C-alpha cells in the first residue's frame, strides 16, 4: 500500500480534527485535496458571497502551500454552487483573481 501523508494548513488543524476529515492527502506524487468552503478559521461561514468564494480559494491555497504546491500545480477543480442560475456570474467574477484568465 502507498504511503499517505496528511497535509494540514497552518492554524486550521483543530477544525479538521473536530470535523474528522483531512484537508489533503499526499500519496504517490499526487495531492488529493478535500472540498473547501468559504469558512473562517473558527469554521463559521463568510456571509458575503464573493468574500466566501475568496475565502474558499484562500483556504485551498493554504493547503496547497502547506504541501509545497500552488494553483499552478492544480489539474482539476470542481465548484459546487447553490442556485447557480442566480450566483454564477458573481462567483465567476472572483475566479480570475486566483486562476488567471481562461482557459482555466
N, C-alpha and C. Protein backbone atom coordinates (compact mmCIF):
# COMPACT_ATOMS: atom_id res chain seq x y z
N UNK A 1 0.84 -1.19 0.00
CA UNK A 1 0.00 0.00 0.00
C UNK A 1 0.88 1.24 0.00
N UNK A 2 0.45 2.26 -0.71
CA UNK A 2 1.20 3.51 -0.80
C UNK A 2 1.18 4.25 0.53
N UNK A 3 2.25 5.00 0.77
CA UNK A 3 2.31 5.84 1.95
C UNK A 3 1.38 7.04 1.78
N UNK A 4 0.65 7.37 2.81
CA UNK A 4 -0.25 8.52 2.79
C UNK A 4 0.24 9.54 3.80
N UNK A 5 0.36 10.77 3.36
CA UNK A 5 0.83 11.86 4.20
C UNK A 5 -0.28 12.90 4.26
N UNK A 6 -0.84 13.14 5.44
CA UNK A 6 -1.90 14.13 5.59
C UNK A 6 -1.26 15.52 5.67
N UNK A 7 -1.83 16.46 4.94
CA UNK A 7 -1.33 17.83 4.89
C UNK A 7 -2.34 18.74 5.60
N UNK A 8 -1.85 19.48 6.58
CA UNK A 8 -2.68 20.44 7.31
C UNK A 8 -2.16 21.85 7.07
N UNK A 9 -3.02 22.79 6.72
CA UNK A 9 -2.57 24.18 6.61
C UNK A 9 -2.38 24.76 8.01
N UNK A 10 -1.53 25.75 8.12
CA UNK A 10 -1.27 26.38 9.41
C UNK A 10 -2.55 26.94 10.02
N UNK A 11 -2.75 26.70 11.30
CA UNK A 11 -3.85 27.31 12.04
C UNK A 11 -5.21 26.65 11.91
N UNK A 12 -5.35 25.59 11.13
CA UNK A 12 -6.68 25.01 10.94
C UNK A 12 -6.75 23.53 11.31
N UNK A 13 -5.70 22.97 11.87
CA UNK A 13 -5.70 21.54 12.17
C UNK A 13 -6.81 21.17 13.15
N UNK A 14 -7.06 21.98 14.16
CA UNK A 14 -8.11 21.67 15.14
C UNK A 14 -9.49 21.61 14.46
N UNK A 15 -9.72 22.48 13.51
CA UNK A 15 -11.00 22.49 12.79
C UNK A 15 -11.19 21.18 12.03
N UNK A 16 -10.14 20.73 11.36
CA UNK A 16 -10.24 19.47 10.61
C UNK A 16 -10.37 18.28 11.54
N UNK A 17 -9.66 18.30 12.65
CA UNK A 17 -9.77 17.19 13.61
C UNK A 17 -11.17 17.14 14.22
N UNK A 18 -11.73 18.31 14.52
CA UNK A 18 -13.08 18.36 15.09
C UNK A 18 -14.09 17.78 14.11
N UNK A 19 -13.93 18.09 12.83
CA UNK A 19 -14.87 17.62 11.81
C UNK A 19 -14.49 16.27 11.21
N UNK A 20 -13.37 15.71 11.66
CA UNK A 20 -12.92 14.35 11.33
C UNK A 20 -12.66 14.10 9.85
N UNK A 21 -11.96 15.00 9.22
CA UNK A 21 -11.50 14.72 7.86
C UNK A 21 -10.17 15.41 7.62
N UNK A 22 -9.46 14.95 6.63
CA UNK A 22 -8.16 15.50 6.29
C UNK A 22 -8.32 16.55 5.19
N UNK A 23 -7.65 17.68 5.32
CA UNK A 23 -7.74 18.69 4.28
C UNK A 23 -7.10 18.23 2.98
N UNK A 24 -6.03 17.45 3.08
CA UNK A 24 -5.38 16.92 1.89
C UNK A 24 -4.55 15.70 2.26
N UNK A 25 -4.39 14.81 1.30
CA UNK A 25 -3.56 13.62 1.47
C UNK A 25 -2.63 13.54 0.27
N UNK A 26 -1.34 13.40 0.57
CA UNK A 26 -0.34 13.24 -0.48
C UNK A 26 0.01 11.76 -0.57
N UNK A 27 -0.01 11.21 -1.79
CA UNK A 27 0.31 9.81 -1.99
C UNK A 27 0.81 9.59 -3.41
N UNK A 28 1.90 8.88 -3.54
CA UNK A 28 2.46 8.53 -4.86
C UNK A 28 2.65 9.73 -5.79
N UNK A 29 3.07 10.85 -5.23
CA UNK A 29 3.33 12.03 -6.04
C UNK A 29 2.10 12.86 -6.37
N UNK A 30 0.94 12.47 -5.86
CA UNK A 30 -0.29 13.22 -6.09
C UNK A 30 -0.75 13.84 -4.78
N UNK A 31 -1.48 14.95 -4.89
CA UNK A 31 -2.08 15.59 -3.74
C UNK A 31 -3.59 15.62 -3.96
N UNK A 32 -4.32 14.98 -3.06
CA UNK A 32 -5.78 14.93 -3.12
C UNK A 32 -6.32 15.87 -2.05
N UNK A 33 -7.00 16.94 -2.48
CA UNK A 33 -7.47 17.97 -1.56
C UNK A 33 -8.97 17.83 -1.35
N UNK A 34 -9.38 17.85 -0.09
CA UNK A 34 -10.81 17.80 0.24
C UNK A 34 -11.48 19.09 -0.21
N UNK A 35 -12.78 19.03 -0.35
CA UNK A 35 -13.54 20.22 -0.73
C UNK A 35 -13.34 21.34 0.27
N UNK A 36 -13.21 22.54 -0.21
CA UNK A 36 -13.02 23.71 0.64
C UNK A 36 -14.20 24.65 0.51
N UNK A 37 -14.59 25.20 1.61
CA UNK A 37 -15.70 26.14 1.64
C UNK A 37 -15.19 27.48 2.14
N UNK A 38 -16.03 28.48 2.03
CA UNK A 38 -15.65 29.82 2.47
C UNK A 38 -15.86 30.02 3.94
N UNK A 39 -15.19 29.22 4.75
CA UNK A 39 -15.31 29.36 6.21
C UNK A 39 -14.09 30.06 6.78
N UNK A 40 -14.33 30.76 7.85
CA UNK A 40 -13.26 31.45 8.57
C UNK A 40 -12.49 30.43 9.41
N UNK A 41 -11.43 30.89 10.07
CA UNK A 41 -10.59 29.98 10.87
C UNK A 41 -11.38 29.23 11.94
N UNK A 42 -12.44 29.87 12.47
CA UNK A 42 -13.24 29.21 13.51
C UNK A 42 -14.30 28.28 12.93
N UNK A 43 -14.39 28.21 11.60
CA UNK A 43 -15.36 27.34 10.95
C UNK A 43 -16.65 28.03 10.57
N UNK A 44 -16.83 29.28 10.99
CA UNK A 44 -18.06 30.00 10.65
C UNK A 44 -18.01 30.45 9.19
N UNK A 45 -19.18 30.48 8.53
CA UNK A 45 -19.20 30.86 7.11
C UNK A 45 -19.00 32.36 6.92
N UNK A 46 -18.38 32.70 5.84
CA UNK A 46 -18.27 34.10 5.42
C UNK A 46 -19.63 34.49 4.83
N UNK A 47 -20.28 35.55 5.31
CA UNK A 47 -21.65 35.85 4.86
C UNK A 47 -21.76 36.41 3.44
N UNK A 48 -20.82 37.22 2.98
CA UNK A 48 -20.88 37.79 1.64
C UNK A 48 -20.44 36.75 0.61
N UNK A 49 -21.21 36.58 -0.47
CA UNK A 49 -20.95 35.53 -1.45
C UNK A 49 -19.56 35.63 -2.06
N UNK A 50 -19.18 36.79 -2.59
CA UNK A 50 -17.87 36.89 -3.22
C UNK A 50 -16.74 36.75 -2.20
N UNK A 51 -16.94 37.26 -1.00
CA UNK A 51 -15.94 37.08 0.06
C UNK A 51 -15.84 35.59 0.44
N UNK A 52 -16.97 34.90 0.39
CA UNK A 52 -16.99 33.47 0.69
C UNK A 52 -16.20 32.68 -0.36
N UNK A 53 -16.36 33.05 -1.62
CA UNK A 53 -15.61 32.40 -2.70
C UNK A 53 -14.12 32.66 -2.51
N UNK A 54 -13.78 33.92 -2.22
CA UNK A 54 -12.36 34.25 -1.98
C UNK A 54 -11.81 33.44 -0.81
N UNK A 55 -12.61 33.32 0.25
CA UNK A 55 -12.15 32.57 1.42
C UNK A 55 -11.95 31.10 1.08
N UNK A 56 -12.83 30.53 0.28
CA UNK A 56 -12.67 29.13 -0.13
C UNK A 56 -11.37 28.96 -0.91
N UNK A 57 -11.09 29.87 -1.84
CA UNK A 57 -9.85 29.78 -2.60
C UNK A 57 -8.64 30.06 -1.71
N UNK A 58 -8.77 30.97 -0.75
CA UNK A 58 -7.67 31.20 0.20
C UNK A 58 -7.42 29.94 1.04
N UNK A 59 -8.49 29.26 1.45
CA UNK A 59 -8.34 28.03 2.21
C UNK A 59 -7.66 26.96 1.36
N UNK A 60 -8.06 26.86 0.10
CA UNK A 60 -7.42 25.92 -0.81
C UNK A 60 -5.95 26.27 -0.99
N UNK A 61 -5.66 27.54 -1.18
CA UNK A 61 -4.28 27.98 -1.37
C UNK A 61 -3.43 27.66 -0.14
N UNK A 62 -3.98 27.80 1.06
CA UNK A 62 -3.23 27.48 2.28
C UNK A 62 -2.86 26.00 2.33
N UNK A 63 -3.76 25.15 1.88
CA UNK A 63 -3.47 23.71 1.84
C UNK A 63 -2.40 23.43 0.80
N UNK A 64 -2.55 24.02 -0.37
CA UNK A 64 -1.55 23.82 -1.42
C UNK A 64 -0.18 24.29 -0.94
N UNK A 65 -0.13 25.44 -0.31
CA UNK A 65 1.13 25.99 0.20
C UNK A 65 1.76 25.06 1.23
N UNK A 66 0.92 24.52 2.13
CA UNK A 66 1.43 23.60 3.15
C UNK A 66 2.01 22.34 2.52
N UNK A 67 1.54 22.00 1.32
CA UNK A 67 2.03 20.82 0.61
C UNK A 67 3.17 21.15 -0.35
N UNK A 68 3.57 22.43 -0.38
CA UNK A 68 4.64 22.84 -1.28
C UNK A 68 4.17 23.00 -2.71
N UNK A 69 2.89 23.33 -2.89
CA UNK A 69 2.30 23.46 -4.22
C UNK A 69 1.63 24.83 -4.35
N UNK A 70 1.06 25.08 -5.53
CA UNK A 70 0.34 26.32 -5.79
C UNK A 70 -0.78 26.04 -6.79
N UNK A 71 -1.54 27.07 -7.12
CA UNK A 71 -2.60 26.91 -8.11
C UNK A 71 -2.04 26.44 -9.45
N UNK A 72 -0.79 26.77 -9.73
CA UNK A 72 -0.15 26.34 -10.98
C UNK A 72 -0.06 24.82 -11.09
N UNK A 73 -0.07 24.13 -9.96
CA UNK A 73 0.06 22.68 -9.93
C UNK A 73 -1.27 21.94 -10.03
N UNK A 74 -2.38 22.67 -9.96
CA UNK A 74 -3.71 22.06 -9.93
C UNK A 74 -4.11 21.61 -11.33
N UNK A 75 -4.63 20.39 -11.41
CA UNK A 75 -5.08 19.83 -12.68
C UNK A 75 -6.60 19.93 -12.84
N UNK A 76 -7.33 19.75 -11.74
CA UNK A 76 -8.79 19.72 -11.84
C UNK A 76 -9.41 20.32 -10.58
N UNK A 77 -10.45 21.12 -10.78
CA UNK A 77 -11.20 21.71 -9.68
C UNK A 77 -12.68 21.59 -10.02
N UNK A 78 -13.47 21.25 -9.04
CA UNK A 78 -14.91 21.23 -9.20
C UNK A 78 -15.50 22.26 -8.26
N UNK A 79 -16.36 23.11 -8.77
CA UNK A 79 -17.01 24.13 -7.96
C UNK A 79 -18.48 23.76 -7.83
N UNK A 80 -18.94 23.65 -6.60
CA UNK A 80 -20.36 23.37 -6.34
C UNK A 80 -21.03 24.67 -5.92
N UNK A 81 -22.17 24.95 -6.52
CA UNK A 81 -22.91 26.19 -6.23
C UNK A 81 -24.34 25.86 -5.87
N UNK A 82 -24.85 26.60 -4.91
CA UNK A 82 -26.27 26.56 -4.61
C UNK A 82 -26.90 27.66 -5.46
N UNK A 83 -27.96 27.33 -6.19
CA UNK A 83 -28.66 28.27 -7.07
C UNK A 83 -27.72 28.92 -8.08
N UNK A 84 -27.09 28.09 -8.93
CA UNK A 84 -26.14 28.64 -9.89
C UNK A 84 -26.74 29.66 -10.86
N UNK A 85 -28.00 29.54 -11.17
CA UNK A 85 -28.62 30.48 -12.11
C UNK A 85 -28.51 31.92 -11.62
N UNK A 86 -28.62 32.13 -10.31
CA UNK A 86 -28.57 33.49 -9.78
C UNK A 86 -27.18 33.88 -9.25
N UNK A 87 -26.29 32.91 -9.07
CA UNK A 87 -25.00 33.22 -8.44
C UNK A 87 -23.78 33.01 -9.34
N UNK A 88 -23.98 32.39 -10.48
CA UNK A 88 -22.85 32.04 -11.33
C UNK A 88 -21.98 33.24 -11.67
N UNK A 89 -22.57 34.31 -12.15
CA UNK A 89 -21.79 35.49 -12.57
C UNK A 89 -21.02 36.10 -11.41
N UNK A 90 -21.64 36.22 -10.25
CA UNK A 90 -20.96 36.80 -9.09
C UNK A 90 -19.77 35.93 -8.67
N UNK A 91 -19.96 34.64 -8.70
CA UNK A 91 -18.88 33.72 -8.34
C UNK A 91 -17.78 33.77 -9.39
N UNK A 92 -18.17 33.76 -10.64
CA UNK A 92 -17.16 33.69 -11.72
C UNK A 92 -16.34 34.97 -11.83
N UNK A 93 -16.82 36.08 -11.27
CA UNK A 93 -16.03 37.32 -11.25
C UNK A 93 -14.79 37.17 -10.37
N UNK A 94 -14.84 36.28 -9.40
CA UNK A 94 -13.72 36.08 -8.47
C UNK A 94 -12.67 35.14 -9.04
N UNK A 95 -13.08 34.21 -9.87
CA UNK A 95 -12.18 33.15 -10.36
C UNK A 95 -10.88 33.69 -10.96
N UNK A 96 -10.89 34.69 -11.84
CA UNK A 96 -9.63 35.14 -12.42
C UNK A 96 -8.63 35.71 -11.41
N UNK A 97 -9.13 36.17 -10.26
CA UNK A 97 -8.22 36.67 -9.22
C UNK A 97 -7.27 35.57 -8.74
N UNK A 98 -7.71 34.33 -8.83
CA UNK A 98 -6.93 33.20 -8.34
C UNK A 98 -6.38 32.33 -9.45
N UNK A 99 -7.13 32.18 -10.53
CA UNK A 99 -6.77 31.23 -11.58
C UNK A 99 -6.31 31.90 -12.86
N UNK A 100 -6.31 33.24 -12.92
CA UNK A 100 -5.90 33.92 -14.14
C UNK A 100 -7.02 33.88 -15.17
N UNK A 101 -6.67 34.27 -16.36
CA UNK A 101 -7.65 34.32 -17.44
C UNK A 101 -7.86 32.94 -18.06
N UNK A 102 -9.01 32.76 -18.65
CA UNK A 102 -9.34 31.50 -19.32
C UNK A 102 -8.33 31.23 -20.42
N UNK A 103 -8.07 30.02 -20.79
CA UNK A 103 -8.69 28.82 -20.23
C UNK A 103 -8.11 28.48 -18.86
N UNK A 104 -8.98 28.02 -17.98
CA UNK A 104 -8.57 27.71 -16.60
C UNK A 104 -8.12 26.28 -16.50
